[in-house]
Protein backbone atom coordinates (compact mmCIF):
# COMPACT_ATOMS: atom_id res chain seq x y z
CA MET A 1 0.00 0.00 0.00
CA THR A 2 1.41 3.37 -1.01
CA ASN A 3 1.25 6.55 1.03
CA PRO A 4 -2.16 8.25 0.59
CA VAL A 5 -2.26 11.57 -1.26
CA ILE A 6 -4.01 14.31 0.73
CA GLY A 7 -5.27 17.34 -1.15
CA VAL A 8 -5.26 20.52 0.96
CA THR A 9 -7.13 23.72 0.16
CA THR A 10 -5.46 27.09 0.64
CA PHE A 11 -6.08 30.66 1.70
CA ILE A 12 -6.86 32.74 -1.42
CA SER A 13 -6.11 36.45 -1.77
CA SER A 14 -4.84 39.00 -4.28
CA ASP A 15 -1.35 37.91 -3.20
CA GLY A 16 -1.99 34.34 -4.36
CA LEU A 17 -2.41 30.99 -2.61
CA ARG A 18 -1.10 30.51 0.91
CA LEU A 19 -0.96 27.62 3.38
CA PRO A 20 0.75 27.41 6.80
CA GLU A 21 3.42 24.70 6.89
CA ASN A 22 1.82 23.01 9.92
CA TYR A 23 -0.69 21.26 7.65
CA SER A 24 1.98 19.49 5.61
CA ILE A 25 3.99 18.68 8.74
CA ALA A 26 1.00 16.93 10.32
CA ILE A 27 0.05 15.04 7.14
CA ALA A 28 3.62 13.93 6.46
CA GLY A 29 4.03 13.02 10.13
CA GLU A 30 1.41 10.31 9.60
CA GLU A 31 2.99 9.21 6.29
CA GLY A 32 0.53 10.99 4.04
CA VAL A 33 1.59 12.93 0.96
CA PRO A 34 0.37 16.54 1.13
CA VAL A 35 -0.47 18.29 -2.13
CA ILE A 36 -1.83 21.79 -2.65
CA LEU A 37 -5.21 22.11 -4.37
CA ALA A 38 -5.19 25.24 -6.53
CA LYS A 39 -8.61 26.83 -7.06
CA VAL A 40 -10.12 26.22 -10.49
CA GLU A 41 -13.63 26.98 -11.75
CA ASP A 42 -14.14 24.20 -14.28
CA ASP A 43 -16.22 21.36 -12.79
CA VAL A 44 -14.39 18.76 -14.90
CA LEU A 45 -11.06 19.89 -13.49
CA ILE A 46 -12.38 19.93 -9.92
CA LYS A 47 -13.55 16.35 -10.37
CA LYS A 48 -10.10 15.44 -11.69
CA GLN A 49 -8.55 16.95 -8.57
CA ILE A 50 -10.73 14.71 -6.40
CA GLU A 51 -9.98 11.67 -8.57
CA ASN A 52 -6.27 12.19 -8.01
CA ILE A 53 -6.30 12.42 -4.22
CA ASP A 54 -7.15 9.90 -1.52
CA GLY A 55 -8.38 12.37 1.09
CA LEU A 56 -9.55 16.01 1.21
CA LEU A 57 -8.41 18.44 3.90
CA LEU A 58 -10.33 21.72 4.04
CA SER A 59 -7.99 24.21 5.69
CA GLY A 60 -8.71 27.26 7.81
CA GLY A 61 -9.01 30.79 6.49
CA ASP A 62 -11.22 33.86 6.39
CA ASP A 63 -14.99 34.19 6.77
CA ILE A 64 -17.66 32.55 4.61
CA GLU A 65 -19.97 34.50 2.31
CA PRO A 66 -23.29 34.54 4.27
CA SER A 67 -25.52 34.32 1.18
CA PHE A 68 -24.58 30.64 1.01
CA PHE A 69 -26.55 30.04 4.20
CA GLY A 70 -29.34 32.49 3.44
CA GLU A 71 -28.20 35.60 5.32
CA SER A 72 -27.07 39.13 4.61
CA PRO A 73 -23.66 40.29 5.89
CA HIS A 74 -23.55 40.96 9.63
CA GLN A 75 -21.71 44.12 10.69
CA LYS A 76 -19.08 42.00 12.47
CA MET A 77 -18.43 39.73 9.51
CA GLY A 78 -14.75 39.76 8.56
CA THR A 79 -12.80 39.34 5.33
CA ILE A 80 -14.07 36.81 2.79
CA GLU A 81 -12.16 35.03 0.03
CA PRO A 82 -14.15 35.43 -3.23
CA GLY A 83 -14.42 32.22 -5.21
CA ARG A 84 -13.11 29.99 -2.45
CA ASP A 85 -16.51 29.07 -1.02
CA LEU A 86 -17.93 27.85 -4.34
CA TYR A 87 -14.74 25.97 -5.17
CA GLU A 88 -14.61 24.18 -1.83
CA MET A 89 -18.31 23.32 -1.93
CA LYS A 90 -17.70 21.64 -5.30
CA LEU A 91 -14.73 19.77 -3.84
CA ILE A 92 -16.91 18.54 -0.98
CA GLU A 93 -19.70 17.49 -3.35
CA TYR A 94 -17.38 15.42 -5.52
CA ALA A 95 -15.42 13.99 -2.59
CA LEU A 96 -18.65 12.78 -0.99
CA GLU A 97 -19.80 11.26 -4.30
CA ALA A 98 -16.46 9.44 -4.57
CA GLY A 99 -16.48 8.28 -0.94
CA LYS A 100 -13.22 10.10 -0.16
CA PRO A 101 -12.43 10.94 3.50
CA ILE A 102 -12.85 14.62 4.41
CA LEU A 103 -11.32 16.52 7.31
CA GLY A 104 -12.47 20.13 7.73
CA ILE A 105 -10.46 22.39 10.04
CA CYS A 106 -11.88 25.64 11.47
CA ARG A 107 -13.27 27.39 8.37
CA GLY A 108 -13.17 23.94 6.77
CA ALA A 109 -15.67 22.63 9.33
CA GLN A 110 -17.92 25.60 8.58
CA ILE A 111 -17.90 25.27 4.79
CA LEU A 112 -18.57 21.54 5.16
CA ASN A 113 -21.69 22.31 7.20
CA VAL A 114 -22.82 25.12 4.87
CA GLN A 115 -22.37 22.94 1.77
CA GLN A 116 -24.64 20.35 3.35
CA GLY A 117 -27.30 22.95 4.21
CA GLY A 118 -26.37 24.02 7.74
CA THR A 119 -26.17 27.53 9.17
CA MET A 120 -23.55 29.63 10.95
CA TYR A 121 -22.96 32.39 13.44
CA GLN A 122 -21.33 35.20 11.49
CA ASP A 123 -19.96 36.48 14.79
CA ILE A 124 -20.34 34.41 17.95
CA TYR A 125 -19.66 37.31 20.31
CA SER A 126 -22.57 39.43 19.08
CA GLN A 127 -24.94 36.64 18.01
CA HIS A 128 -24.50 33.86 20.55
CA GLY A 129 -24.70 35.71 23.86
CA ASP A 130 -22.76 37.46 26.60
CA SER A 131 -21.66 34.16 28.16
CA THR A 132 -19.58 33.28 25.10
CA MET A 133 -15.99 32.72 26.18
CA LYS A 134 -12.90 33.80 24.26
CA HIS A 135 -12.52 31.67 21.15
CA ASN A 136 -9.80 33.66 19.37
CA GLN A 137 -6.81 33.19 21.62
CA ASP A 138 -3.84 35.56 21.64
CA ALA A 139 -1.43 32.77 22.63
CA ALA A 140 0.69 30.78 20.17
CA LYS A 141 -0.99 28.18 17.95
CA ASP A 142 0.44 25.27 19.95
CA TYR A 143 -1.19 26.47 23.20
CA LEU A 144 -4.29 24.56 24.34
CA SER A 145 -6.54 27.40 25.50
CA HIS A 146 -9.87 25.81 26.44
CA LYS A 147 -11.79 22.59 27.06
CA VAL A 148 -13.89 20.80 24.44
CA ASN A 149 -16.48 18.17 25.36
CA ILE A 150 -16.59 15.16 23.02
CA ILE A 151 -19.99 13.48 22.60
CA GLU A 152 -19.96 9.77 23.32
CA GLY A 153 -20.90 7.39 20.52
CA THR A 154 -19.57 9.65 17.76
CA LYS A 155 -16.77 8.91 15.31
CA LEU A 156 -14.71 11.64 16.95
CA HIS A 157 -15.14 9.98 20.35
CA GLU A 158 -14.06 6.67 18.81
CA ILE A 159 -10.91 8.33 17.44
CA LEU A 160 -9.96 10.21 20.59
CA GLY A 161 -11.12 7.74 23.24
CA GLU A 162 -11.92 10.67 25.54
CA THR A 163 -14.95 12.77 26.45
CA GLU A 164 -12.93 15.88 27.24
CA ILE A 165 -9.85 17.40 25.62
CA ARG A 166 -8.16 20.79 25.49
CA THR A 167 -7.68 22.59 22.19
CA ASN A 168 -6.38 25.80 20.71
CA SER A 169 -8.94 28.29 19.34
CA PHE A 170 -8.79 30.88 16.54
CA HIS A 171 -12.27 31.81 15.34
CA HIS A 172 -15.08 34.32 15.67
CA GLN A 173 -17.51 32.43 13.42
CA ALA A 174 -18.93 28.98 14.17
CA ASN A 175 -21.49 26.45 13.00
CA LYS A 176 -24.94 27.22 14.39
CA TYR A 177 -27.34 24.50 13.25
CA PRO A 178 -25.85 21.37 11.70
CA ALA A 179 -27.05 20.25 8.29
CA GLU A 180 -29.50 17.36 8.16
CA GLY A 181 -26.73 14.95 7.13
CA LEU A 182 -24.39 16.00 9.94
CA GLN A 183 -24.42 15.61 13.70
CA VAL A 184 -22.66 17.57 16.42
CA SER A 185 -19.81 15.58 17.94
CA ALA A 186 -18.18 18.18 20.23
CA MET A 187 -19.11 21.40 22.05
CA THR A 188 -17.58 23.84 24.51
CA ASP A 189 -19.14 24.63 27.88
CA ASP A 190 -20.68 27.78 26.39
CA ARG A 191 -22.52 25.61 23.81
CA ILE A 192 -20.50 26.59 20.76
CA VAL A 193 -20.35 23.72 18.26
CA GLU A 194 -16.76 22.49 18.04
CA ALA A 195 -17.16 19.49 15.72
CA VAL A 196 -19.62 17.99 13.25
CA GLU A 197 -19.52 14.67 11.44
CA SER A 198 -21.44 12.51 9.02
CA ALA A 199 -23.06 9.31 10.20
CA GLN A 200 -23.53 8.21 6.58
CA HIS A 201 -19.84 8.24 5.59
CA ASP A 202 -16.79 6.43 6.94
CA PHE A 203 -14.79 9.61 7.59
CA VAL A 204 -16.34 13.07 7.14
CA ILE A 205 -15.45 15.25 10.13
CA GLY A 206 -15.22 18.98 10.67
CA ILE A 207 -13.49 20.40 13.75
CA GLN A 208 -13.43 24.02 14.82
CA TRP A 209 -9.94 24.03 16.35
CA HIS A 210 -6.54 23.66 14.66
CA PRO A 211 -4.97 20.24 15.38
CA GLU A 212 -2.24 20.93 12.83
CA GLY A 213 -1.04 23.71 15.13
CA THR A 214 -0.76 21.38 18.12
CA TYR A 215 0.21 18.21 16.25
CA LEU A 216 3.78 18.15 17.56
CA VAL A 217 2.80 18.61 21.21
CA ASP A 218 -0.65 17.04 21.66
CA GLU A 219 -1.68 13.39 21.44
CA ALA A 220 -5.33 14.13 20.59
CA SER A 221 -4.20 16.14 17.56
CA LYS A 222 -2.01 13.26 16.42
CA LYS A 223 -4.94 10.84 16.77
CA ILE A 224 -7.11 12.97 14.49
CA PHE A 225 -4.53 13.11 11.71
CA ARG A 226 -3.64 9.44 12.18
CA ALA A 227 -7.29 8.39 11.76
CA PHE A 228 -7.73 10.64 8.72
CA ILE A 229 -4.63 9.35 6.95
CA LYS A 230 -5.57 5.76 7.78
CA ALA A 231 -9.04 6.27 6.30
CA ALA A 232 -7.49 7.75 3.13
CA ALA A 233 -5.04 4.82 2.88
CA GLN A 234 -7.90 2.32 3.06
CA LEU A 235 -9.76 3.98 0.19
CA GLN A 236 -6.90 4.58 -2.20
CA ARG A 237 -7.78 4.76 -5.85
């Protein structure tokens, strides 16, 4: 069995495509082969991208265009990345059709939910309530800033083997209501959704934190990438 090829989406701006190195470090650390997925608009080419990878990793990034979940822009909405949302939703569609494992990280967990028909908080601090704790830490990416509660019986619980972990946190948006095909698999004490997953697929998980940032120092982060790479290896083309 060869090393599975993992396609990773990127930040998109006028300066070009960008991806923090932590993603490739974590993928390679579990013997996966990281490759960058460059945004294209042709459906045939997007399908070819999916055909040529064994797993899809939806990386973090800026905010999501709210029209995709039926809302107008909130005053606290941040920067968006034009074209990225549509491209990644097509990637998700074709990856699901092909039965390819998907791991969504931060923004990636949000676009996964939106593509499936779920909704979001455009800004948790103004839309969720005064009891919302700090979810955009000022500490380094490898610092575990708060607790996350893992729901028993979920795929994520099976992977981690724990009902409580600590994670880093870098977001002001979050999934609000999960799509019909997804279920919540982790939450914080303030009831912010921290993970969603599909019960109809072998490995389709979106997590709100950044395990690539804590991969070198945290066993739970390693377990997530290990399970993802293993799932991709089992479904190689």
